[in-house]
Amino acid sequence: MKKKLILIVLLIFIVIALMIFIFHIDKYNTEEENKVSSSSKEDEEKIKEEQELIDVFNKNCKITVYLNSDVSDEEVENIKNELNKKNYISSIELISSEDALEDLKGRFSDNENIFEGMEDVLPTSYELRIKFETIEDVMNDEYIEKIKEELEEVSNIKKVSSNDETMKSIYENYGIEALKDALENGPDSLQKYEIKNNAENNT
């Protein structure tokens, strides 16, 4: 009888230990599944944001090439033909001196008179949209710098400038929504993101 009692107690102990073991295994598996699920979701969100950023840069990042002041109409066309050979350029728009002046007048409509006599001062330029295929193209400064260096070698191009650094700075400091907001509504729209950042840093 005593042996049976010992065996029953031992059996109960084994069953309880087995149940505890199974419970911990299930709990561990559930936690691991949750980690994988959370990690997978974070990866998906990161990939989605990176693709969105690539799209924003493809649409809004531009390089402006300013032409020599004494360039002829034929040379302007030759430059365009040369630019068309560059596979990293998605679109080319000619900005004449007159167009550039009208753009300035539009931006400073309250002070149009300050631009009197500048009709022949502003250079003719080409505004180029650049192709970005990967997030490395977007975030690596060398990508645009190499393009700019190559464009500076084209005959009758005097100066090359771009807006990629400004776009990257906005994205890195405020995020992609702030970047899209600034591109659509101007830099003044960043004030609310700056206020939000300051509030979060002070909490």
N, C-alpha and C. Protein backbone atom coordinates (compact mmCIF):
# COMPACT_ATOMS: atom_id res chain seq x y z
N MET A 1 0.83 -1.21 0.00
CA MET A 1 0.00 0.00 0.00
C MET A 1 0.86 1.25 0.00
N LYS A 2 1.92 1.17 0.81
CA LYS A 2 2.83 2.32 0.91
C LYS A 2 3.52 2.57 -0.42
N LYS A 3 3.91 1.46 -1.11
CA LYS A 3 4.57 1.60 -2.41
C LYS A 3 3.63 2.23 -3.44
N LYS A 4 2.34 1.79 -3.37
CA LYS A 4 1.36 2.35 -4.31
C LYS A 4 1.20 3.85 -4.09
N LEU A 5 1.15 4.24 -2.82
CA LEU A 5 0.99 5.66 -2.48
C LEU A 5 2.17 6.46 -3.01
N ILE A 6 3.36 5.89 -2.82
CA ILE A 6 4.57 6.58 -3.30
C ILE A 6 4.53 6.72 -4.81
N LEU A 7 4.12 5.64 -5.49
CA LEU A 7 4.03 5.66 -6.95
C LEU A 7 3.02 6.68 -7.44
N ILE A 8 1.86 6.76 -6.73
CA ILE A 8 0.82 7.72 -7.11
C ILE A 8 1.33 9.16 -6.95
N VAL A 9 1.99 9.42 -5.80
CA VAL A 9 2.55 10.75 -5.54
C VAL A 9 3.60 11.10 -6.58
N LEU A 10 4.44 10.10 -6.90
CA LEU A 10 5.49 10.31 -7.90
C LEU A 10 4.88 10.58 -9.27
N LEU A 11 3.82 9.85 -9.59
CA LEU A 11 3.14 10.03 -10.88
C LEU A 11 2.52 11.42 -10.97
N ILE A 12 1.87 11.83 -9.86
CA ILE A 12 1.26 13.17 -9.82
C ILE A 12 2.34 14.24 -10.00
N PHE A 13 3.47 14.06 -9.33
CA PHE A 13 4.58 15.01 -9.44
C PHE A 13 5.09 15.10 -10.88
N ILE A 14 5.21 13.93 -11.52
CA ILE A 14 5.68 13.90 -12.91
C ILE A 14 4.70 14.61 -13.83
N VAL A 15 3.40 14.34 -13.63
CA VAL A 15 2.36 14.98 -14.45
C VAL A 15 2.40 16.50 -14.28
N ILE A 16 2.52 16.95 -13.01
CA ILE A 16 2.56 18.39 -12.74
C ILE A 16 3.79 19.02 -13.38
N ALA A 17 4.94 18.34 -13.24
CA ALA A 17 6.19 18.85 -13.82
C ALA A 17 6.08 18.93 -15.34
N LEU A 18 5.43 17.89 -15.93
CA LEU A 18 5.26 17.86 -17.38
C LEU A 18 4.34 18.99 -17.84
N MET A 19 3.28 19.23 -17.08
CA MET A 19 2.34 20.31 -17.41
C MET A 19 3.04 21.67 -17.33
N ILE A 20 3.86 21.85 -16.29
CA ILE A 20 4.60 23.11 -16.14
C ILE A 20 5.57 23.29 -17.30
N PHE A 21 6.24 22.20 -17.67
CA PHE A 21 7.18 22.25 -18.79
C PHE A 21 6.47 22.63 -20.08
N ILE A 22 5.32 21.97 -20.34
CA ILE A 22 4.55 22.27 -21.56
C ILE A 22 4.06 23.71 -21.56
N PHE A 23 3.62 24.18 -20.37
CA PHE A 23 3.15 25.58 -20.26
C PHE A 23 4.25 26.56 -20.63
N HIS A 24 5.46 26.32 -20.12
CA HIS A 24 6.57 27.23 -20.40
C HIS A 24 7.00 27.16 -21.86
N ILE A 25 6.94 25.95 -22.44
CA ILE A 25 7.27 25.81 -23.86
C ILE A 25 6.28 26.60 -24.71
N ASP A 26 4.99 26.47 -24.40
CA ASP A 26 3.95 27.20 -25.14
C ASP A 26 4.13 28.70 -24.99
N LYS A 27 4.44 29.12 -23.76
CA LYS A 27 4.63 30.55 -23.50
C LYS A 27 5.83 31.08 -24.28
N TYR A 28 6.91 30.31 -24.29
CA TYR A 28 8.12 30.71 -25.02
C TYR A 28 7.83 30.80 -26.52
N ASN A 29 7.13 29.79 -27.06
CA ASN A 29 6.79 29.79 -28.49
C ASN A 29 5.91 30.98 -28.85
N THR A 30 4.96 31.29 -27.97
CA THR A 30 4.07 32.44 -28.21
C THR A 30 4.84 33.75 -28.22
N GLU A 31 5.76 33.89 -27.25
CA GLU A 31 6.59 35.10 -27.20
C GLU A 31 7.46 35.23 -28.43
N GLU A 32 8.03 34.10 -28.87
CA GLU A 32 8.88 34.13 -30.06
C GLU A 32 8.06 34.48 -31.30
N GLU A 33 6.85 33.93 -31.38
CA GLU A 33 5.97 34.23 -32.51
C GLU A 33 5.60 35.71 -32.51
N ASN A 34 5.34 36.27 -31.32
CA ASN A 34 5.01 37.69 -31.22
C ASN A 34 6.20 38.56 -31.63
N LYS A 35 7.41 38.12 -31.23
CA LYS A 35 8.61 38.86 -31.61
C LYS A 35 8.80 38.86 -33.12
N VAL A 36 8.63 37.68 -33.71
CA VAL A 36 8.78 37.56 -35.17
C VAL A 36 7.73 38.40 -35.87
N SER A 37 6.48 38.33 -35.36
CA SER A 37 5.40 39.11 -35.96
C SER A 37 5.66 40.60 -35.87
N SER A 38 6.12 41.04 -34.67
CA SER A 38 6.42 42.46 -34.46
C SER A 38 7.58 42.90 -35.34
N SER A 39 8.63 42.05 -35.40
CA SER A 39 9.79 42.37 -36.23
C SER A 39 9.41 42.42 -37.70
N SER A 40 8.57 41.49 -38.13
CA SER A 40 8.12 41.46 -39.52
C SER A 40 7.32 42.70 -39.86
N LYS A 41 6.48 43.13 -38.93
CA LYS A 41 5.67 44.33 -39.15
C LYS A 41 6.55 45.56 -39.25
N GLU A 42 7.56 45.65 -38.37
CA GLU A 42 8.49 46.78 -38.40
C GLU A 42 9.28 46.81 -39.72
N ASP A 43 9.69 45.62 -40.18
CA ASP A 43 10.41 45.53 -41.45
C ASP A 43 9.54 46.00 -42.61
N GLU A 44 8.27 45.59 -42.59
CA GLU A 44 7.35 45.98 -43.65
C GLU A 44 7.14 47.50 -43.66
N GLU A 45 7.00 48.08 -42.46
CA GLU A 45 6.80 49.52 -42.35
C GLU A 45 8.05 50.27 -42.83
N LYS A 46 9.23 49.73 -42.50
CA LYS A 46 10.47 50.37 -42.92
C LYS A 46 10.61 50.33 -44.43
N ILE A 47 10.32 49.16 -45.02
CA ILE A 47 10.40 49.02 -46.48
C ILE A 47 9.41 49.96 -47.16
N LYS A 48 8.21 50.06 -46.60
CA LYS A 48 7.18 50.94 -47.16
C LYS A 48 7.63 52.40 -47.12
N GLU A 49 8.21 52.82 -45.98
CA GLU A 49 8.67 54.21 -45.85
C GLU A 49 9.83 54.49 -46.79
N GLU A 50 10.74 53.53 -46.92
CA GLU A 50 11.88 53.71 -47.82
C GLU A 50 11.42 53.88 -49.27
N GLN A 51 10.44 53.06 -49.68
CA GLN A 51 9.93 53.17 -51.05
C GLN A 51 9.22 54.50 -51.25
N GLU A 52 8.50 54.94 -50.22
CA GLU A 52 7.82 56.23 -50.29
C GLU A 52 8.83 57.36 -50.42
N LEU A 53 9.93 57.26 -49.69
CA LEU A 53 10.98 58.28 -49.75
C LEU A 53 11.62 58.30 -51.14
N ILE A 54 11.87 57.11 -51.70
CA ILE A 54 12.42 57.03 -53.06
C ILE A 54 11.48 57.73 -54.05
N ASP A 55 10.18 57.47 -53.91
CA ASP A 55 9.19 58.09 -54.80
C ASP A 55 9.18 59.61 -54.65
N VAL A 56 9.29 60.09 -53.41
CA VAL A 56 9.30 61.54 -53.16
C VAL A 56 10.52 62.18 -53.82
N PHE A 57 11.67 61.54 -53.71
CA PHE A 57 12.89 62.08 -54.32
C PHE A 57 12.81 62.03 -55.85
N ASN A 58 12.25 60.96 -56.40
CA ASN A 58 12.10 60.88 -57.85
C ASN A 58 11.21 62.00 -58.39
N LYS A 59 10.23 62.38 -57.60
CA LYS A 59 9.29 63.40 -58.03
C LYS A 59 9.80 64.82 -57.78
N ASN A 60 10.56 65.02 -56.70
CA ASN A 60 10.87 66.38 -56.27
C ASN A 60 12.35 66.78 -56.25
N CYS A 61 13.24 65.81 -56.22
CA CYS A 61 14.65 66.17 -56.19
C CYS A 61 15.08 66.65 -57.57
N LYS A 62 15.74 67.78 -57.61
CA LYS A 62 16.14 68.33 -58.90
C LYS A 62 17.54 68.91 -58.85
N ILE A 63 18.17 68.86 -60.01
CA ILE A 63 19.47 69.50 -60.21
C ILE A 63 19.27 70.59 -61.25
N THR A 64 19.76 71.78 -60.95
CA THR A 64 19.67 72.89 -61.89
C THR A 64 21.06 73.16 -62.46
N VAL A 65 21.15 73.16 -63.78
CA VAL A 65 22.42 73.47 -64.44
C VAL A 65 22.27 74.84 -65.11
N TYR A 66 23.12 75.77 -64.72
CA TYR A 66 23.09 77.14 -65.26
C TYR A 66 24.07 77.24 -66.42
N LEU A 67 23.61 77.82 -67.52
CA LEU A 67 24.42 77.89 -68.73
C LEU A 67 25.20 79.20 -68.78
N ASN A 68 26.27 79.20 -69.55
CA ASN A 68 27.04 80.43 -69.75
C ASN A 68 26.14 81.53 -70.32
N SER A 69 26.41 82.75 -69.93
CA SER A 69 25.56 83.88 -70.34
C SER A 69 25.58 84.14 -71.84
N ASP A 70 26.68 83.79 -72.51
CA ASP A 70 26.81 84.08 -73.94
C ASP A 70 26.46 82.87 -74.81
N VAL A 71 25.76 81.89 -74.24
CA VAL A 71 25.45 80.67 -74.97
C VAL A 71 24.43 80.96 -76.07
N SER A 72 24.63 80.37 -77.24
CA SER A 72 23.72 80.58 -78.38
C SER A 72 22.56 79.58 -78.31
N ASP A 73 21.52 79.84 -79.10
CA ASP A 73 20.37 78.93 -79.15
C ASP A 73 20.78 77.53 -79.59
N GLU A 74 21.71 77.48 -80.52
CA GLU A 74 22.19 76.18 -81.00
C GLU A 74 22.92 75.43 -79.90
N GLU A 75 23.72 76.15 -79.12
CA GLU A 75 24.46 75.53 -78.03
C GLU A 75 23.50 75.07 -76.92
N VAL A 76 22.44 75.84 -76.70
CA VAL A 76 21.43 75.44 -75.71
C VAL A 76 20.83 74.10 -76.10
N GLU A 77 20.55 73.95 -77.39
CA GLU A 77 19.98 72.69 -77.88
C GLU A 77 21.00 71.56 -77.81
N ASN A 78 22.26 71.87 -78.08
CA ASN A 78 23.31 70.86 -77.99
C ASN A 78 23.47 70.34 -76.56
N ILE A 79 23.34 71.25 -75.61
CA ILE A 79 23.44 70.86 -74.20
C ILE A 79 22.30 69.90 -73.84
N LYS A 80 21.11 70.22 -74.32
CA LYS A 80 19.96 69.34 -74.06
C LYS A 80 20.19 67.95 -74.64
N ASN A 81 20.72 67.90 -75.86
CA ASN A 81 21.01 66.61 -76.49
C ASN A 81 22.03 65.81 -75.68
N GLU A 82 23.01 66.52 -75.12
CA GLU A 82 24.02 65.87 -74.29
C GLU A 82 23.41 65.34 -72.99
N LEU A 83 22.53 66.14 -72.41
CA LEU A 83 21.87 65.75 -71.17
C LEU A 83 20.96 64.54 -71.38
N ASN A 84 20.33 64.48 -72.54
CA ASN A 84 19.43 63.37 -72.85
C ASN A 84 20.15 62.02 -72.89
N LYS A 85 21.46 62.04 -73.00
CA LYS A 85 22.24 60.80 -73.04
C LYS A 85 22.49 60.24 -71.65
N LYS A 86 22.23 61.05 -70.63
CA LYS A 86 22.50 60.62 -69.26
C LYS A 86 21.34 59.75 -68.75
N ASN A 87 21.61 58.50 -68.42
CA ASN A 87 20.52 57.60 -68.03
C ASN A 87 20.00 57.86 -66.62
N TYR A 88 20.67 58.71 -65.84
CA TYR A 88 20.18 59.04 -64.50
C TYR A 88 19.24 60.24 -64.50
N ILE A 89 18.97 60.82 -65.66
CA ILE A 89 18.06 61.96 -65.77
C ILE A 89 16.71 61.47 -66.29
N SER A 90 15.64 61.79 -65.57
CA SER A 90 14.31 61.34 -65.96
C SER A 90 13.54 62.41 -66.74
N SER A 91 13.86 63.68 -66.51
CA SER A 91 13.19 64.75 -67.26
C SER A 91 14.07 65.99 -67.32
N ILE A 92 13.88 66.78 -68.37
CA ILE A 92 14.66 68.00 -68.60
C ILE A 92 13.71 69.14 -68.94
N GLU A 93 13.85 70.24 -68.23
CA GLU A 93 13.00 71.42 -68.51
C GLU A 93 13.88 72.65 -68.68
N LEU A 94 13.69 73.34 -69.78
CA LEU A 94 14.44 74.57 -70.03
C LEU A 94 13.80 75.73 -69.27
N ILE A 95 14.64 76.47 -68.54
CA ILE A 95 14.19 77.68 -67.83
C ILE A 95 14.93 78.86 -68.45
N SER A 96 14.25 79.64 -69.26
CA SER A 96 14.89 80.78 -69.91
C SER A 96 15.11 81.90 -68.89
N SER A 97 15.90 82.90 -69.28
CA SER A 97 16.13 84.05 -68.40
C SER A 97 14.81 84.72 -68.06
N GLU A 98 13.93 84.83 -69.06
CA GLU A 98 12.63 85.47 -68.85
C GLU A 98 11.78 84.67 -67.87
N ASP A 99 11.79 83.34 -68.03
CA ASP A 99 11.02 82.49 -67.12
C ASP A 99 11.54 82.61 -65.69
N ALA A 100 12.86 82.63 -65.55
CA ALA A 100 13.47 82.73 -64.22
C ALA A 100 13.09 84.05 -63.55
N LEU A 101 13.07 85.12 -64.35
CA LEU A 101 12.71 86.43 -63.81
C LEU A 101 11.25 86.46 -63.39
N GLU A 102 10.38 85.88 -64.21
CA GLU A 102 8.96 85.85 -63.87
C GLU A 102 8.72 85.03 -62.61
N ASP A 103 9.49 83.97 -62.45
CA ASP A 103 9.36 83.14 -61.24
C ASP A 103 9.73 83.94 -60.00
N LEU A 104 10.81 84.71 -60.09
CA LEU A 104 11.22 85.54 -58.96
C LEU A 104 10.17 86.59 -58.63
N LYS A 105 9.64 87.20 -59.66
CA LYS A 105 8.59 88.21 -59.45
C LYS A 105 7.38 87.59 -58.76
N GLY A 106 7.07 86.36 -59.14
CA GLY A 106 5.94 85.68 -58.51
C GLY A 106 6.17 85.39 -57.05
N ARG A 107 7.41 85.05 -56.71
CA ARG A 107 7.73 84.74 -55.32
C ARG A 107 7.77 85.99 -54.46
N PHE A 108 8.18 87.10 -55.06
CA PHE A 108 8.28 88.36 -54.31
C PHE A 108 7.37 89.41 -54.95
N SER A 109 6.10 89.04 -55.07
CA SER A 109 5.14 89.90 -55.76
C SER A 109 4.98 91.27 -55.10
N ASP A 110 5.27 91.37 -53.81
CA ASP A 110 5.14 92.65 -53.11
C ASP A 110 6.29 93.60 -53.41
N ASN A 111 7.36 93.06 -54.02
CA ASN A 111 8.54 93.90 -54.29
C ASN A 111 9.03 93.70 -55.73
N GLU A 112 8.10 93.68 -56.67
CA GLU A 112 8.46 93.42 -58.06
C GLU A 112 9.45 94.44 -58.60
N ASN A 113 9.38 95.65 -58.07
CA ASN A 113 10.22 96.73 -58.61
C ASN A 113 11.71 96.47 -58.43
N ILE A 114 12.08 95.61 -57.48
CA ILE A 114 13.51 95.36 -57.24
C ILE A 114 14.14 94.58 -58.39
N PHE A 115 13.30 94.02 -59.25
CA PHE A 115 13.83 93.22 -60.36
C PHE A 115 13.92 94.00 -61.67
N GLU A 116 13.62 95.26 -61.61
CA GLU A 116 13.71 96.09 -62.83
C GLU A 116 15.17 96.16 -63.30
N GLY A 117 15.36 95.98 -64.60
CA GLY A 117 16.70 96.02 -65.17
C GLY A 117 17.46 94.73 -65.09
N MET A 118 16.78 93.65 -64.62
CA MET A 118 17.46 92.36 -64.47
C MET A 118 17.12 91.40 -65.62
N GLU A 119 16.52 91.92 -66.66
CA GLU A 119 16.06 91.05 -67.76
C GLU A 119 17.18 90.21 -68.36
N ASP A 120 18.38 90.73 -68.41
CA ASP A 120 19.49 90.01 -69.04
C ASP A 120 20.51 89.50 -68.03
N VAL A 121 20.13 89.56 -66.74
CA VAL A 121 21.08 89.16 -65.69
C VAL A 121 20.97 87.67 -65.37
N LEU A 122 19.75 87.18 -65.26
CA LEU A 122 19.55 85.78 -64.86
C LEU A 122 19.92 84.83 -66.00
N PRO A 123 20.67 83.79 -65.69
CA PRO A 123 21.11 82.87 -66.74
C PRO A 123 20.02 81.89 -67.18
N THR A 124 20.12 81.44 -68.39
CA THR A 124 19.28 80.34 -68.86
C THR A 124 19.74 79.07 -68.15
N SER A 125 18.81 78.18 -67.83
CA SER A 125 19.18 76.96 -67.11
C SER A 125 18.30 75.79 -67.55
N TYR A 126 18.76 74.61 -67.18
CA TYR A 126 17.96 73.40 -67.34
C TYR A 126 17.68 72.84 -65.95
N GLU A 127 16.42 72.49 -65.72
CA GLU A 127 16.03 71.86 -64.46
C GLU A 127 15.87 70.37 -64.71
N LEU A 128 16.64 69.56 -64.00
CA LEU A 128 16.68 68.13 -64.24
C LEU A 128 16.07 67.35 -63.08
N ARG A 129 15.25 66.37 -63.40
CA ARG A 129 14.78 65.42 -62.40
C ARG A 129 15.70 64.20 -62.47
N ILE A 130 16.11 63.72 -61.31
CA ILE A 130 17.08 62.63 -61.23
C ILE A 130 16.40 61.32 -60.82
N LYS A 131 16.87 60.21 -61.36
CA LYS A 131 16.32 58.90 -61.03
C LYS A 131 16.97 58.34 -59.77
N PHE A 132 16.14 57.86 -58.85
CA PHE A 132 16.60 57.17 -57.64
C PHE A 132 15.96 55.79 -57.63
N GLU A 133 16.77 54.76 -57.59
CA GLU A 133 16.25 53.39 -57.63
C GLU A 133 16.28 52.70 -56.28
N THR A 134 17.22 53.07 -55.41
CA THR A 134 17.34 52.43 -54.10
C THR A 134 17.44 53.49 -53.01
N ILE A 135 17.24 53.05 -51.77
CA ILE A 135 17.35 53.98 -50.64
C ILE A 135 18.79 54.45 -50.49
N GLU A 136 19.75 53.63 -50.94
CA GLU A 136 21.16 54.05 -50.89
C GLU A 136 21.40 55.23 -51.82
N ASP A 137 20.73 55.24 -52.99
CA ASP A 137 20.84 56.37 -53.90
C ASP A 137 20.37 57.66 -53.23
N VAL A 138 19.31 57.52 -52.44
CA VAL A 138 18.72 58.70 -51.78
C VAL A 138 19.62 59.22 -50.67
N MET A 139 20.10 58.32 -49.82
CA MET A 139 20.78 58.73 -48.60
C MET A 139 22.29 58.91 -48.76
N ASN A 140 22.85 58.37 -49.84
CA ASN A 140 24.30 58.48 -50.05
C ASN A 140 24.62 59.78 -50.77
N ASP A 141 25.35 60.68 -50.10
CA ASP A 141 25.69 61.98 -50.69
C ASP A 141 26.49 61.84 -51.98
N GLU A 142 27.26 60.78 -52.08
CA GLU A 142 28.13 60.61 -53.24
C GLU A 142 27.35 60.42 -54.54
N TYR A 143 26.15 59.88 -54.44
CA TYR A 143 25.35 59.62 -55.64
C TYR A 143 25.11 60.91 -56.41
N ILE A 144 24.58 61.93 -55.72
CA ILE A 144 24.30 63.22 -56.37
C ILE A 144 25.60 63.96 -56.68
N GLU A 145 26.57 63.88 -55.79
CA GLU A 145 27.83 64.60 -56.01
C GLU A 145 28.52 64.14 -57.29
N LYS A 146 28.52 62.83 -57.53
CA LYS A 146 29.14 62.32 -58.75
C LYS A 146 28.40 62.81 -59.99
N ILE A 147 27.07 62.85 -59.89
CA ILE A 147 26.26 63.35 -61.01
C ILE A 147 26.58 64.82 -61.28
N LYS A 148 26.65 65.61 -60.22
CA LYS A 148 26.96 67.04 -60.37
C LYS A 148 28.34 67.25 -60.98
N GLU A 149 29.29 66.48 -60.52
CA GLU A 149 30.65 66.59 -61.08
C GLU A 149 30.66 66.27 -62.57
N GLU A 150 29.91 65.25 -62.95
CA GLU A 150 29.84 64.87 -64.37
C GLU A 150 29.17 65.96 -65.19
N LEU A 151 28.12 66.56 -64.65
CA LEU A 151 27.40 67.61 -65.38
C LEU A 151 28.26 68.87 -65.54
N GLU A 152 29.08 69.15 -64.56
CA GLU A 152 29.96 70.32 -64.64
C GLU A 152 30.97 70.21 -65.77
N GLU A 153 31.18 68.99 -66.24
CA GLU A 153 32.13 68.77 -67.34
C GLU A 153 31.49 69.02 -68.71
N VAL A 154 30.17 69.15 -68.75
CA VAL A 154 29.48 69.38 -70.03
C VAL A 154 29.77 70.80 -70.51
N SER A 155 30.08 70.93 -71.78
CA SER A 155 30.44 72.23 -72.36
C SER A 155 29.31 73.24 -72.20
N ASN A 156 29.70 74.48 -71.83
CA ASN A 156 28.80 75.63 -71.67
C ASN A 156 27.90 75.57 -70.44
N ILE A 157 28.17 74.61 -69.53
CA ILE A 157 27.48 74.63 -68.24
C ILE A 157 28.39 75.34 -67.24
N LYS A 158 27.86 76.41 -66.67
CA LYS A 158 28.67 77.26 -65.79
C LYS A 158 28.61 76.80 -64.33
N LYS A 159 27.43 76.40 -63.87
CA LYS A 159 27.25 76.07 -62.46
C LYS A 159 26.17 75.01 -62.32
N VAL A 160 26.32 74.19 -61.28
CA VAL A 160 25.35 73.12 -61.01
C VAL A 160 24.94 73.19 -59.53
N SER A 161 23.64 73.14 -59.28
CA SER A 161 23.17 73.13 -57.89
C SER A 161 22.04 72.11 -57.75
N SER A 162 21.78 71.71 -56.52
CA SER A 162 20.72 70.71 -56.28
C SER A 162 20.04 70.97 -54.95
N ASN A 163 18.87 70.35 -54.77
CA ASN A 163 18.12 70.52 -53.53
C ASN A 163 18.09 69.25 -52.68
N ASP A 164 18.93 68.26 -53.01
CA ASP A 164 18.88 66.98 -52.31
C ASP A 164 19.28 67.10 -50.84
N GLU A 165 20.28 67.95 -50.53
CA GLU A 165 20.73 68.07 -49.15
C GLU A 165 19.64 68.65 -48.26
N THR A 166 18.92 69.63 -48.78
CA THR A 166 17.82 70.22 -48.02
C THR A 166 16.73 69.19 -47.76
N MET A 167 16.39 68.42 -48.79
CA MET A 167 15.36 67.39 -48.64
C MET A 167 15.77 66.34 -47.62
N LYS A 168 17.02 65.88 -47.68
CA LYS A 168 17.50 64.87 -46.74
C LYS A 168 17.52 65.41 -45.31
N SER A 169 17.91 66.67 -45.17
CA SER A 169 17.96 67.27 -43.83
C SER A 169 16.57 67.33 -43.21
N ILE A 170 15.57 67.71 -44.00
CA ILE A 170 14.20 67.76 -43.49
C ILE A 170 13.73 66.37 -43.08
N TYR A 171 14.01 65.38 -43.94
CA TYR A 171 13.59 64.01 -43.64
C TYR A 171 14.26 63.49 -42.37
N GLU A 172 15.56 63.71 -42.24
CA GLU A 172 16.29 63.18 -41.09
C GLU A 172 15.88 63.86 -39.78
N ASN A 173 15.48 65.12 -39.85
CA ASN A 173 15.12 65.86 -38.64
C ASN A 173 13.64 65.75 -38.27
N TYR A 174 12.78 65.63 -39.28
CA TYR A 174 11.35 65.67 -38.99
C TYR A 174 10.54 64.50 -39.53
N GLY A 175 11.11 63.71 -40.45
CA GLY A 175 10.36 62.58 -40.99
C GLY A 175 9.78 62.84 -42.36
N ILE A 176 9.23 61.79 -42.95
CA ILE A 176 8.78 61.86 -44.33
C ILE A 176 7.53 62.71 -44.50
N GLU A 177 6.62 62.69 -43.52
CA GLU A 177 5.41 63.51 -43.63
C GLU A 177 5.75 65.00 -43.64
N ALA A 178 6.72 65.38 -42.83
CA ALA A 178 7.17 66.77 -42.80
C ALA A 178 7.81 67.16 -44.13
N LEU A 179 8.57 66.24 -44.72
CA LEU A 179 9.20 66.51 -46.01
C LEU A 179 8.15 66.76 -47.08
N LYS A 180 7.14 65.90 -47.14
CA LYS A 180 6.07 66.07 -48.13
C LYS A 180 5.31 67.37 -47.90
N ASP A 181 5.10 67.69 -46.64
CA ASP A 181 4.40 68.93 -46.28
C ASP A 181 5.21 70.14 -46.73
N ALA A 182 6.51 70.13 -46.48
CA ALA A 182 7.37 71.25 -46.85
C ALA A 182 7.44 71.43 -48.37
N LEU A 183 7.49 70.31 -49.10
CA LEU A 183 7.55 70.38 -50.55
C LEU A 183 6.26 70.95 -51.14
N GLU A 184 5.15 70.65 -50.47
CA GLU A 184 3.86 71.11 -50.98
C GLU A 184 3.51 72.51 -50.52
N ASN A 185 3.86 72.83 -49.26
CA ASN A 185 3.39 74.09 -48.67
C ASN A 185 4.50 75.06 -48.29
N GLY A 186 5.75 74.70 -48.54
CA GLY A 186 6.85 75.61 -48.24
C GLY A 186 7.46 75.34 -46.87
N PRO A 187 8.63 75.92 -46.62
CA PRO A 187 9.37 75.66 -45.37
C PRO A 187 8.66 76.13 -44.11
N ASP A 188 7.73 77.09 -44.23
CA ASP A 188 7.03 77.56 -43.04
C ASP A 188 6.22 76.45 -42.38
N SER A 189 5.86 75.43 -43.16
CA SER A 189 5.07 74.33 -42.62
C SER A 189 5.86 73.48 -41.61
N LEU A 190 7.18 73.65 -41.58
CA LEU A 190 8.02 72.86 -40.69
C LEU A 190 7.93 73.32 -39.24
N GLN A 191 7.37 74.50 -39.03
CA GLN A 191 7.31 75.04 -37.66
C GLN A 191 6.57 74.10 -36.71
N LYS A 192 5.47 73.52 -37.19
CA LYS A 192 4.68 72.64 -36.31
C LYS A 192 5.44 71.37 -35.96
N TYR A 193 6.29 70.90 -36.87
CA TYR A 193 7.09 69.70 -36.60
C TYR A 193 8.22 70.02 -35.61
N GLU A 194 8.76 71.23 -35.71
CA GLU A 194 9.79 71.67 -34.77
C GLU A 194 9.21 71.78 -33.36
N ILE A 195 8.01 72.33 -33.26
CA ILE A 195 7.33 72.45 -31.97
C ILE A 195 7.06 71.06 -31.38
N LYS A 196 6.62 70.13 -32.23
CA LYS A 196 6.35 68.76 -31.79
C LYS A 196 7.63 68.09 -31.30
N ASN A 197 8.74 68.25 -32.03
CA ASN A 197 10.01 67.67 -31.61
C ASN A 197 10.47 68.22 -30.27
N ASN A 198 10.35 69.53 -30.09
CA ASN A 198 10.76 70.16 -28.84
C ASN A 198 9.92 69.65 -27.68
N ALA A 199 8.62 69.48 -27.92
CA ALA A 199 7.73 68.98 -26.86
C ALA A 199 8.10 67.56 -26.47
N GLU A 200 8.42 66.71 -27.46
CA GLU A 200 8.78 65.33 -27.18
C GLU A 200 10.12 65.24 -26.45
N ASN A 201 11.05 66.12 -26.81
CA ASN A 201 12.37 66.12 -26.17
C ASN A 201 12.32 66.61 -24.74
N ASN A 202 11.31 67.41 -24.41
CA ASN A 202 11.20 67.98 -23.06
C ASN A 202 10.39 67.11 -22.12
N THR A 203 9.80 66.03 -22.66
CA THR A 203 9.01 65.15 -21.79
C THR A 203 9.86 64.05 -21.21
